[in-house]
Protein backbone atom coordinates (compact mmCIF):
# COMPACT_ATOMS: atom_id res chain seq x y z
CA UNK A 1 -60.52 -187.02 165.94
CA UNK A 2 -59.80 -187.62 169.65
CA UNK A 3 -62.16 -190.56 170.02
CA UNK A 4 -60.85 -192.22 166.87
CA UNK A 5 -57.17 -191.86 167.82
CA UNK A 6 -57.73 -193.11 171.37
CA UNK A 7 -59.80 -196.06 170.13
CA UNK A 8 -56.95 -197.12 167.85
CA UNK A 9 -54.50 -196.84 170.75
CA UNK A 10 -56.71 -199.00 173.00
CA UNK A 11 -57.07 -201.55 170.20
CA UNK A 12 -53.30 -201.75 169.72
CA UNK A 13 -53.46 -200.26 166.22
CA UNK A 14 -51.52 -197.13 167.22
CA UNK A 15 -48.65 -196.83 169.66
CA UNK A 16 -48.75 -193.87 172.08
CA UNK A 17 -45.04 -193.27 171.52
CA UNK A 18 -45.65 -192.84 167.79
CA UNK A 19 -48.34 -190.22 168.49
CA UNK A 20 -46.00 -188.36 170.84
CA UNK A 21 -43.14 -188.44 168.34
CA UNK A 22 -45.47 -187.25 165.59
CA UNK A 23 -46.55 -184.30 167.73
CA UNK A 24 -42.95 -183.40 168.55
CA UNK A 25 -41.99 -183.58 164.87
CA UNK A 26 -44.92 -181.33 163.89
CA UNK A 27 -43.97 -178.83 166.58
CA UNK A 28 -40.37 -178.80 165.36
CA UNK A 29 -41.61 -178.16 161.82
CA UNK A 30 -44.20 -175.44 162.44
CA UNK A 31 -43.31 -173.77 165.73
CA UNK A 32 -40.38 -171.66 164.44
CA UNK A 33 -42.90 -169.55 162.49
CA UNK A 34 -45.87 -169.68 164.86
CA UNK A 35 -44.23 -169.72 168.32
CA UNK A 36 -47.16 -171.58 169.85
CA UNK A 37 -45.27 -174.09 172.02
CA UNK A 38 -42.84 -172.65 174.57
CA UNK A 39 -41.67 -175.55 176.75
CA UNK A 40 -41.39 -179.22 175.86
CA UNK A 41 -40.83 -182.31 177.99
CA UNK A 42 -39.97 -184.53 175.05
CA UNK A 43 -37.85 -187.18 176.78
CA UNK A 44 -40.24 -187.58 179.73
CA UNK A 45 -43.26 -187.75 177.39
CA UNK A 46 -41.61 -190.48 175.29
CA UNK A 47 -40.88 -192.52 178.41
CA UNK A 48 -44.48 -192.11 179.60
CA UNK A 49 -45.76 -193.08 176.16
CA UNK A 50 -43.64 -196.25 176.14
CA UNK A 51 -45.07 -197.16 179.56
CA UNK A 52 -48.65 -196.16 178.72
CA UNK A 53 -51.27 -198.74 179.76
CA UNK A 54 -53.32 -197.70 176.69
CA UNK A 55 -56.44 -197.11 178.76
CA UNK A 56 -58.89 -194.24 179.00
CA UNK A 57 -60.99 -192.19 176.61
CA UNK A 58 -57.87 -190.15 175.72
CA UNK A 59 -55.45 -193.09 175.65
CA UNK A 60 -52.10 -192.03 174.20
CA UNK A 61 -53.27 -188.55 173.12
CA UNK A 62 -50.42 -185.97 173.24
CA UNK A 63 -51.49 -182.67 174.83
CA UNK A 64 -49.97 -179.23 175.28
CA UNK A 65 -50.85 -177.34 178.48
CA UNK A 66 -51.37 -173.57 178.64
CA UNK A 67 -48.60 -171.83 180.56
CA UNK A 68 -50.99 -170.72 183.29
CA UNK A 69 -51.86 -174.22 184.55
CA UNK A 70 -49.82 -176.29 186.98
CA UNK A 71 -48.14 -179.44 185.65
CA UNK A 72 -46.32 -181.63 188.15
CA UNK A 73 -42.61 -181.59 187.37
CA UNK A 74 -42.80 -178.54 185.06
CA UNK A 75 -42.23 -174.87 185.77
CA UNK A 76 -45.21 -172.55 185.26
CA UNK A 77 -44.20 -169.00 184.33
CA UNK A 78 -47.82 -167.74 184.35
CA UNK A 79 -47.69 -166.60 180.76
CA UNK A 80 -43.99 -165.98 180.34
CA UNK A 81 -43.62 -163.57 183.28
CA UNK A 82 -39.97 -162.89 184.17
CA UNK A 83 -40.60 -163.20 187.93
CA UNK A 84 -41.29 -166.91 187.41
CA UNK A 85 -38.53 -167.58 184.87
CA UNK A 86 -36.60 -169.62 187.45
CA UNK A 87 -39.51 -170.81 189.58
CA UNK A 88 -39.29 -174.36 190.94
CA UNK A 89 -41.32 -177.04 189.16
CA UNK A 90 -44.88 -177.54 190.35
CA UNK A 91 -45.45 -180.49 192.66
CA UNK A 92 -49.01 -181.26 191.55
CA UNK A 93 -51.25 -180.94 188.53
CA UNK A 94 -54.03 -178.45 188.01
CA UNK A 95 -57.35 -180.38 188.28
CA UNK A 96 -57.88 -180.14 184.51
CA UNK A 97 -54.40 -181.52 183.81
CA UNK A 98 -54.89 -184.31 186.35
CA UNK A 99 -58.14 -185.35 184.67
CA UNK A 100 -56.57 -185.40 181.22
CA UNK A 101 -53.76 -187.59 182.55
CA UNK A 102 -56.24 -189.91 184.26
CA UNK A 103 -58.04 -190.28 180.91
CA UNK A 104 -54.78 -191.47 179.29
CA UNK A 105 -53.44 -188.24 177.75
CA UNK A 106 -49.68 -187.57 177.74
CA UNK A 107 -48.37 -184.08 178.52
CA UNK A 108 -45.69 -183.09 176.00
CA UNK A 109 -45.20 -179.41 176.84
CA UNK A 110 -46.72 -175.96 177.22
CA UNK A 111 -48.29 -173.28 175.01
CA UNK A 112 -47.60 -169.56 174.99
CA UNK A 113 -49.87 -167.08 176.80
CA UNK A 114 -49.66 -163.43 177.85
CA UNK A 115 -48.64 -162.68 181.44
CA UNK A 116 -51.45 -163.87 183.70
CA UNK A 117 -53.67 -164.12 180.61
CA UNK A 118 -54.38 -160.41 180.89
CA UNK A 119 -54.87 -159.45 177.22
CA UNK A 120 -56.53 -160.69 174.05
CA UNK A 121 -53.19 -161.11 172.29
CA UNK A 122 -50.65 -163.85 172.91
CA UNK A 123 -47.31 -162.21 173.48
CA UNK A 124 -45.20 -162.61 176.61
CA UNK A 125 -41.98 -161.06 177.95
CA UNK A 126 -40.18 -164.41 178.14
CA UNK A 127 -41.41 -166.13 174.98
CA UNK A 128 -42.41 -163.44 172.51
CA UNK A 129 -45.35 -163.37 170.12
CA UNK A 130 -47.52 -166.19 168.79
CA UNK A 131 -48.76 -165.93 165.21
CA UNK A 132 -51.95 -167.11 163.56
CA UNK A 133 -51.59 -170.15 161.22
CA UNK A 134 -54.30 -168.70 158.97
CA UNK A 135 -52.22 -165.55 158.43
CA UNK A 136 -48.95 -165.20 160.38
CA UNK A 137 -49.11 -161.41 160.07
CA UNK A 138 -52.09 -161.48 162.45
CA UNK A 139 -52.69 -162.55 166.03
CA UNK A 140 -54.39 -165.81 166.98
CA UNK A 141 -56.04 -163.91 169.83
CA UNK A 142 -55.61 -164.59 173.50
CA UNK A 143 -55.05 -165.44 176.10
CA UNK A 144 -55.14 -169.09 174.97
CA UNK A 145 -53.65 -168.11 171.64
CA UNK A 146 -50.75 -170.55 171.87
CA UNK A 147 -53.21 -173.41 172.21
CA UNK A 148 -55.32 -172.10 169.33
CA UNK A 149 -52.34 -171.74 167.00
CA UNK A 150 -51.03 -175.22 167.87
CA UNK A 151 -54.40 -176.82 167.18
CA UNK A 152 -55.09 -174.86 163.99
CA UNK A 153 -51.67 -175.90 162.65
CA UNK A 154 -52.28 -179.57 163.49
CA UNK A 155 -49.29 -179.70 165.86
CA UNK A 156 -51.27 -181.64 168.47
CA UNK A 157 -54.77 -183.09 168.68
CA UNK A 158 -55.39 -181.56 172.14
CA UNK A 159 -54.33 -178.39 174.00
CA UNK A 160 -55.73 -176.92 177.20
CA UNK A 161 -57.30 -173.49 177.54
CA UNK A 162 -58.91 -171.27 180.13
CA UNK A 163 -61.53 -168.53 179.93
CA UNK A 164 -61.69 -165.55 182.28
CA UNK A 165 -63.33 -163.16 179.83
CA UNK A 166 -63.25 -164.89 176.46
CA UNK A 167 -59.74 -166.38 176.55
CA UNK A 168 -60.96 -169.66 175.06
CA UNK A 169 -63.74 -168.44 172.78
CA UNK A 170 -61.90 -165.48 171.24
CA UNK A 171 -58.75 -167.32 170.05
CA UNK A 172 -60.91 -170.26 168.95
CA UNK A 173 -62.93 -167.88 166.79
CA UNK A 174 -59.77 -166.35 165.30
CA UNK A 175 -58.26 -169.75 164.46
CA UNK A 176 -61.30 -171.54 163.02
CA UNK A 177 -61.90 -173.77 166.07
CA UNK A 178 -64.63 -174.69 168.53
CA UNK A 179 -64.21 -172.89 171.87
CA UNK A 180 -66.33 -173.75 174.91
CA UNK A 181 -66.73 -171.96 178.24
CA UNK A 182 -68.88 -174.13 180.53
CA UNK A 183 -71.42 -173.21 183.14
CA UNK A 184 -69.27 -171.81 185.94
CA UNK A 185 -68.30 -174.66 188.27
CA UNK A 186 -68.72 -177.53 185.81
CA UNK A 187 -64.94 -177.86 185.47
CA UNK A 188 -63.15 -178.02 188.80
CA UNK A 189 -60.62 -175.22 189.36
CA UNK A 190 -57.36 -175.28 191.25
CA UNK A 191 -56.01 -172.50 193.46
CA UNK A 192 -57.41 -169.47 191.63
CA UNK A 193 -55.08 -166.82 190.28
CA UNK A 194 -56.40 -163.69 188.64
CA UNK A 195 -60.10 -163.98 187.77
CA UNK A 196 -61.34 -165.73 190.91
CA UNK A 197 -65.01 -164.94 190.30
CA UNK A 198 -65.40 -165.43 186.58
CA UNK A 199 -62.61 -167.69 185.31
CA UNK A 200 -62.82 -171.35 184.38
CA UNK A 201 -60.96 -173.95 182.33
CA UNK A 202 -62.41 -174.26 178.84
CA UNK A 203 -62.07 -176.56 175.87
CA UNK A 204 -60.73 -175.70 172.43
CA UNK A 205 -60.96 -178.24 169.63
CA UNK A 206 -61.20 -178.82 165.90
CA UNK A 207 -64.68 -180.38 166.07
CA UNK A 208 -67.77 -180.26 168.27
CA UNK A 209 -67.37 -183.97 169.04
CA UNK A 210 -63.84 -183.36 170.35
CA UNK A 211 -65.05 -180.45 172.48
CA UNK A 212 -67.80 -182.58 173.98
CA UNK A 213 -65.39 -185.45 174.71
CA UNK A 214 -62.91 -183.14 176.45
CA UNK A 215 -65.75 -181.50 178.39
CA UNK A 216 -66.87 -184.87 179.72
CA UNK A 217 -63.32 -185.61 180.85
CA UNK A 218 -62.93 -182.26 182.64
CA UNK A 219 -66.38 -182.19 184.26
CA UNK A 220 -66.58 -182.58 188.01
CA UNK A 221 -66.00 -180.55 191.18
CA UNK A 222 -62.65 -179.98 192.82
CA UNK A 223 -61.82 -179.45 196.48
CA UNK A 224 -62.13 -175.87 197.61
CA UNK A 225 -63.96 -174.57 194.54
CA UNK A 226 -67.07 -172.98 196.07
CA UNK A 227 -68.59 -172.47 192.60
CA UNK A 228 -68.43 -176.21 191.84
CA UNK A 229 -71.55 -177.84 190.43
CA UNK A 230 -72.75 -181.15 191.81
CA UNK A 231 -72.14 -184.12 189.49
CA UNK A 232 -75.02 -184.38 187.04
CA UNK A 233 -76.26 -180.84 187.65
CA UNK A 234 -75.14 -179.67 184.19
CA UNK A 235 -76.68 -181.29 181.12
CA UNK A 236 -74.00 -181.86 178.46
CA UNK A 237 -76.04 -184.15 176.21
CA UNK A 238 -76.62 -182.20 172.96
CA UNK A 239 -80.12 -181.09 172.10
CA UNK A 240 -81.58 -178.37 169.90
CA UNK A 241 -83.11 -175.30 171.56
CA UNK A 242 -86.74 -174.42 170.96
CA UNK A 243 -85.83 -170.98 169.64
CA UNK A 244 -82.87 -168.71 168.96
CA UNK A 245 -82.41 -165.07 169.91
CA UNK A 246 -79.88 -163.16 167.80
CA UNK A 247 -78.00 -159.99 168.76
CA UNK A 248 -75.56 -158.55 166.23
CA UNK A 249 -73.44 -156.98 169.01
CA UNK A 250 -73.71 -156.76 172.77
CA UNK A 251 -72.01 -153.36 172.62
CA UNK A 252 -70.94 -151.06 169.83
CA UNK A 253 -71.09 -151.84 166.12
CA UNK A 254 -69.52 -154.90 164.54
CA UNK A 255 -67.34 -154.81 161.43
CA UNK A 256 -69.53 -155.04 158.29
CA UNK A 257 -67.88 -158.33 157.24
CA UNK A 258 -68.78 -159.89 160.59
CA UNK A 259 -72.32 -158.50 160.53
CA UNK A 260 -72.93 -159.84 157.02
CA UNK A 261 -71.71 -163.33 157.99
CA UNK A 262 -73.79 -163.22 161.17
CA UNK A 263 -76.93 -162.37 159.18
CA UNK A 264 -76.23 -165.23 156.77
CA UNK A 265 -75.73 -167.67 159.65
CA UNK A 266 -79.00 -166.63 161.27
CA UNK A 267 -80.77 -167.21 157.97
CA UNK A 268 -79.20 -170.67 157.65
CA UNK A 269 -80.26 -171.59 161.17
CA UNK A 270 -83.83 -170.53 160.48
CA UNK A 271 -84.15 -172.12 157.03
CA UNK A 272 -82.02 -175.26 157.33
CA UNK A 273 -82.66 -176.14 160.97
CA UNK A 274 -86.27 -174.95 161.10
CA UNK A 275 -85.56 -172.96 164.25
CA UNK A 276 -87.24 -169.58 164.79
CA UNK A 277 -84.67 -166.76 165.06
CA UNK A 278 -85.70 -163.47 166.66
CA UNK A 279 -83.46 -160.41 166.40
CA UNK A 280 -83.01 -158.49 169.65
CA UNK A 281 -81.01 -155.57 170.97
CA UNK A 282 -78.39 -156.16 173.62
CA UNK A 283 -80.05 -157.49 176.78
CA UNK A 284 -77.33 -156.18 179.10
CA UNK A 285 -77.03 -152.70 180.62
CA UNK A 286 -73.92 -150.61 179.92
CA UNK A 287 -72.71 -151.17 183.49
CA UNK A 288 -71.75 -154.80 182.80
CA UNK A 289 -68.40 -154.23 181.07
CA UNK A 290 -67.10 -151.70 183.65
CA UNK A 291 -68.18 -154.12 186.39
CA UNK A 292 -66.27 -156.94 184.71
CA UNK A 293 -63.19 -154.74 184.53
CA UNK A 294 -63.49 -153.88 188.24
CA UNK A 295 -63.62 -157.54 189.24
CA UNK A 296 -60.84 -158.59 186.91
CA UNK A 297 -58.51 -155.72 187.82
CA UNK A 298 -58.99 -156.06 191.58
CA UNK A 299 -58.48 -159.82 191.56
CA UNK A 300 -55.38 -159.60 189.37
CA UNK A 301 -53.93 -156.91 191.62
CA UNK A 302 -54.70 -159.01 194.69
CA UNK A 303 -52.99 -162.04 193.11
CA UNK A 304 -49.86 -160.00 192.42
CA UNK A 305 -49.92 -157.94 195.62
CA UNK A 306 -47.06 -159.98 197.20
CA UNK A 307 -44.88 -158.77 194.32
CA UNK A 308 -45.91 -155.11 194.45
CA UNK A 309 -42.33 -153.90 194.62
CA UNK A 310 -41.87 -155.43 191.15
CA UNK A 311 -44.92 -153.76 189.60
CA UNK A 312 -42.84 -150.93 188.08
CA UNK A 313 -40.99 -153.57 186.04
CA UNK A 314 -44.18 -155.15 184.67
CA UNK A 315 -45.12 -154.59 181.06
CA UNK A 316 -47.31 -151.44 180.85
CA UNK A 317 -50.58 -153.28 180.14
CA UNK A 318 -50.26 -155.61 183.15
CA UNK A 319 -49.09 -152.75 185.36
CA UNK A 320 -52.17 -150.79 184.31
CA UNK A 321 -54.45 -153.67 185.33
CA UNK A 322 -52.75 -153.92 188.73
CA UNK A 323 -52.85 -150.17 189.39
CA UNK A 324 -56.51 -150.00 188.37
CA UNK A 325 -57.30 -152.84 190.75
CA UNK A 326 -55.32 -151.36 193.62
CA UNK A 327 -57.18 -148.06 193.39
CA UNK A 328 -60.70 -149.45 192.92
CA UNK A 329 -62.79 -148.46 195.97
CA UNK A 330 -64.16 -151.36 198.02
CA UNK A 331 -67.74 -150.20 197.52
CA UNK A 332 -67.28 -150.29 193.73
CA UNK A 333 -65.91 -153.84 193.90
CA UNK A 334 -68.75 -155.07 196.11
CA UNK A 335 -71.26 -153.25 193.92
CA UNK A 336 -69.94 -155.11 190.87
CA UNK A 337 -70.28 -158.41 192.75
CA UNK A 338 -73.88 -157.63 193.64
CA UNK A 339 -74.80 -156.56 190.13
CA UNK A 340 -73.56 -159.91 188.79
CA UNK A 341 -76.72 -161.40 190.28
CA UNK A 342 -78.83 -158.88 188.36
CA UNK A 343 -77.09 -159.69 185.08
CA UNK A 344 -77.48 -163.43 185.65
CA UNK A 345 -81.17 -163.07 186.51
CA UNK A 346 -81.75 -160.90 183.43
CA UNK A 347 -80.27 -163.55 181.14
CA UNK A 348 -82.03 -166.43 182.92
CA UNK A 349 -85.39 -164.71 182.50
CA UNK A 350 -84.64 -164.03 178.84
CA UNK A 351 -83.57 -167.57 177.92
CA UNK A 352 -85.72 -169.69 180.23
CA UNK A 353 -84.61 -173.30 179.89
CA UNK A 354 -85.04 -173.83 176.14
CA UNK A 355 -83.65 -170.77 174.30
CA UNK A 356 -80.14 -169.77 173.21
CA UNK A 357 -78.68 -166.37 172.37
CA UNK A 358 -76.30 -166.06 169.41
CA UNK A 359 -73.86 -163.20 168.79
CA UNK A 360 -70.58 -162.71 166.97
CA UNK A 361 -67.66 -163.60 169.27
CA UNK A 362 -65.86 -160.38 168.35
CA UNK A 363 -66.86 -157.09 166.75
CA UNK A 364 -63.50 -156.35 165.12
CA UNK A 365 -61.25 -158.25 162.76
CA UNK A 366 -58.05 -159.88 164.00
CA UNK A 367 -55.30 -157.38 164.81
CA UNK A 368 -52.20 -157.17 162.67
CA UNK A 369 -48.96 -157.86 164.55
CA UNK A 370 -47.12 -154.56 164.22
CA UNK A 371 -44.79 -152.86 166.70
CA UNK A 372 -43.39 -154.18 169.95
CA UNK A 373 -44.95 -156.79 172.19
CA UNK A 374 -45.54 -154.17 174.90
CA UNK A 375 -47.30 -151.86 172.43
CA UNK A 376 -49.38 -154.77 171.12
CA UNK A 377 -50.56 -155.80 174.59
CA UNK A 378 -51.37 -152.21 175.55
CA UNK A 379 -53.39 -151.75 172.35
CA UNK A 380 -55.19 -155.05 172.87
CA UNK A 381 -56.07 -154.16 176.45
CA UNK A 382 -57.43 -150.79 175.37
CA UNK A 383 -59.49 -152.43 172.62
CA UNK A 384 -61.02 -154.83 175.14
CA UNK A 385 -61.88 -151.93 177.44
CA UNK A 386 -63.66 -150.39 174.47
CA UNK A 387 -65.71 -153.58 174.16
CA UNK A 388 -64.59 -155.26 170.96
CA UNK A 389 -65.66 -158.69 172.22
CA UNK A 390 -69.03 -160.11 173.19
CA UNK A 391 -67.62 -162.66 175.60
CA UNK A 392 -67.20 -161.11 179.07
CA UNK A 393 -70.96 -160.96 179.60
CA UNK A 394 -71.24 -164.73 179.96
CA UNK A 395 -68.32 -164.91 182.36
CA UNK A 396 -70.21 -162.42 184.49
CA UNK A 397 -73.44 -164.44 184.37
CA UNK A 398 -71.73 -167.82 184.75
CA UNK A 399 -73.67 -169.21 181.79
CA UNK A 400 -72.24 -171.52 179.10
CA UNK A 401 -71.07 -170.04 175.81
CA UNK A 402 -69.55 -171.78 172.80
CA UNK A 403 -67.87 -170.45 169.66
CA UNK A 404 -68.02 -172.09 166.24
CA UNK A 405 -66.47 -170.84 162.97
CA UNK A 406 -68.66 -168.43 161.02
CA UNK A 407 -66.53 -166.96 158.23
CA UNK A 408 -63.24 -165.44 157.08
CA UNK A 409 -62.25 -161.78 157.12
CA UNK A 410 -60.60 -160.05 154.12
CA UNK A 411 -57.18 -161.08 155.51
CA UNK A 412 -58.12 -164.77 155.53
CA UNK A 413 -58.45 -164.90 159.33
CA UNK A 414 -61.53 -166.67 160.77
CA UNK A 415 -64.16 -165.18 163.03
CA UNK A 416 -66.77 -167.01 165.05
CA UNK A 417 -70.40 -167.29 166.10
CA UNK A 418 -71.05 -167.45 169.86
CA UNK A 419 -73.88 -169.57 171.25
CA UNK A 420 -74.91 -168.77 174.83
CA UNK A 421 -77.25 -171.22 176.56
CA UNK A 422 -79.12 -171.16 179.88
CA UNK A 423 -77.10 -172.02 182.96
CA UNK A 424 -76.81 -175.80 183.45
CA UNK A 425 -78.14 -176.41 179.90
CA UNK A 426 -74.77 -176.53 178.13
CA UNK A 427 -76.12 -179.28 175.88
CA UNK A 428 -78.28 -176.74 174.05
CA UNK A 429 -75.14 -174.89 172.94
CA UNK A 430 -73.55 -178.18 171.89
CA UNK A 431 -76.71 -179.25 170.07
CA UNK A 432 -76.90 -176.10 167.98
CA UNK A 433 -73.14 -176.23 167.35
CA UNK A 434 -73.45 -179.81 166.07
CA UNK A 435 -76.26 -178.77 163.74
CA UNK A 436 -74.26 -175.81 162.40
CA UNK A 437 -71.28 -178.11 161.85
CA UNK A 438 -73.51 -180.19 159.58
CA UNK A 439 -74.98 -177.34 157.52
CA UNK A 440 -71.86 -175.12 157.43
CA UNK A 441 -68.79 -177.35 157.96
CA UNK A 442 -65.35 -175.87 158.50
CA UNK A 443 -61.81 -177.16 157.80
CA UNK A 444 -60.07 -178.93 160.69
CA UNK A 445 -56.85 -176.89 160.28
CA UNK A 446 -55.62 -173.73 158.61
CA UNK A 447 -54.67 -173.80 154.90
CA UNK A 448 -51.25 -175.31 154.30
CA UNK A 449 -51.42 -177.59 157.38
CA UNK A 450 -52.71 -181.12 157.83
CA UNK A 451 -55.00 -182.49 160.56
CA UNK A 452 -53.13 -184.38 163.24
CA UNK A 453 -52.52 -188.02 162.32
CA UNK A 454 -49.57 -190.33 161.81
CA UNK A 455 -48.01 -189.23 158.51
């Protein structure tokens, strides 16, 4: 979709201003129900579209930016947090936003996110709750749930995401999209907030081709990011792995509907792609999830330490994260940092340079949106602590992981298959994803919506 739209813009067949106006009209039509977009810069975007030079691989493409990323001239409330409700506009773009602009994209607004992206739901004190286009009674996941809902409803062809523990892959899986977390350091990061060690920008798209195009735009180091990979160090070119390892859950037991779809997908991979699939138990020790929580909690608390006097006013789930981080002993934090190397080595030895590991993205079905936003976030945080997702492991190891649609639950909400590849071999995840897209294609948008185009 992205390549085709941009090619028509460059050829003079489509006007950027028409694409921007189409996106704004779709947002006006669908957002009252879904609450995916929370801030728009409609007038400025139209002016930029009229002045667009129609160059770049994303020429004229309208994009929504997650409300945790800096956009020059726009306020960032860090996921609808009241402390930043009246913050001054940012003076510079996040590296990911700057690269999208340089490729010709036009920023039209922001998407909803939970405060500091701290839970797997998308509900914020300032902006309320985002709903899933596949079933508005259920969550689109989080923390990039606003982006996922906007894409699954066809509001925009492009929306940014980030992934500190599954925040791209989980909402992508719950909205029938492709979600990609790269090898840590492939995408340059700005001044880190929250998950310093494990977080990265991601990509979330309707197709594998769109995800690969956005990944190529975002790839490259940024100043000050000590995890940055040298240009060319990460192979993005798609290629099939030599074999596939399959684990039905990295912890706990998955819902029977997810397990049944996972078994069917493994059979399709083996029969239709002629790839050997070997079933394995979880390769990670039980210490990994508590170690992830230590790192995440401490780094979030450190980010918000200058505002400690306001912690009592935070929503209970975010306050819990901060208090946990504040009271984590230094030796436990350093121990978790050290054990990251053990987890990464374990996975590297398991995968070598030609094998991928597939799992379900999540073990539970999408949550129903009942009760208050505060109750929902607290419940979501507790569920994550209990290990309902299989995503944090690959943030800890720094390895690439990609989600593709795998099936629908009894409520009509999608769930996804996760493909984890060796570090620096992201192309193996893309290669298998492309092959799955051919043998088990998925719709570009949720039922009742239309893929983004000029109508």
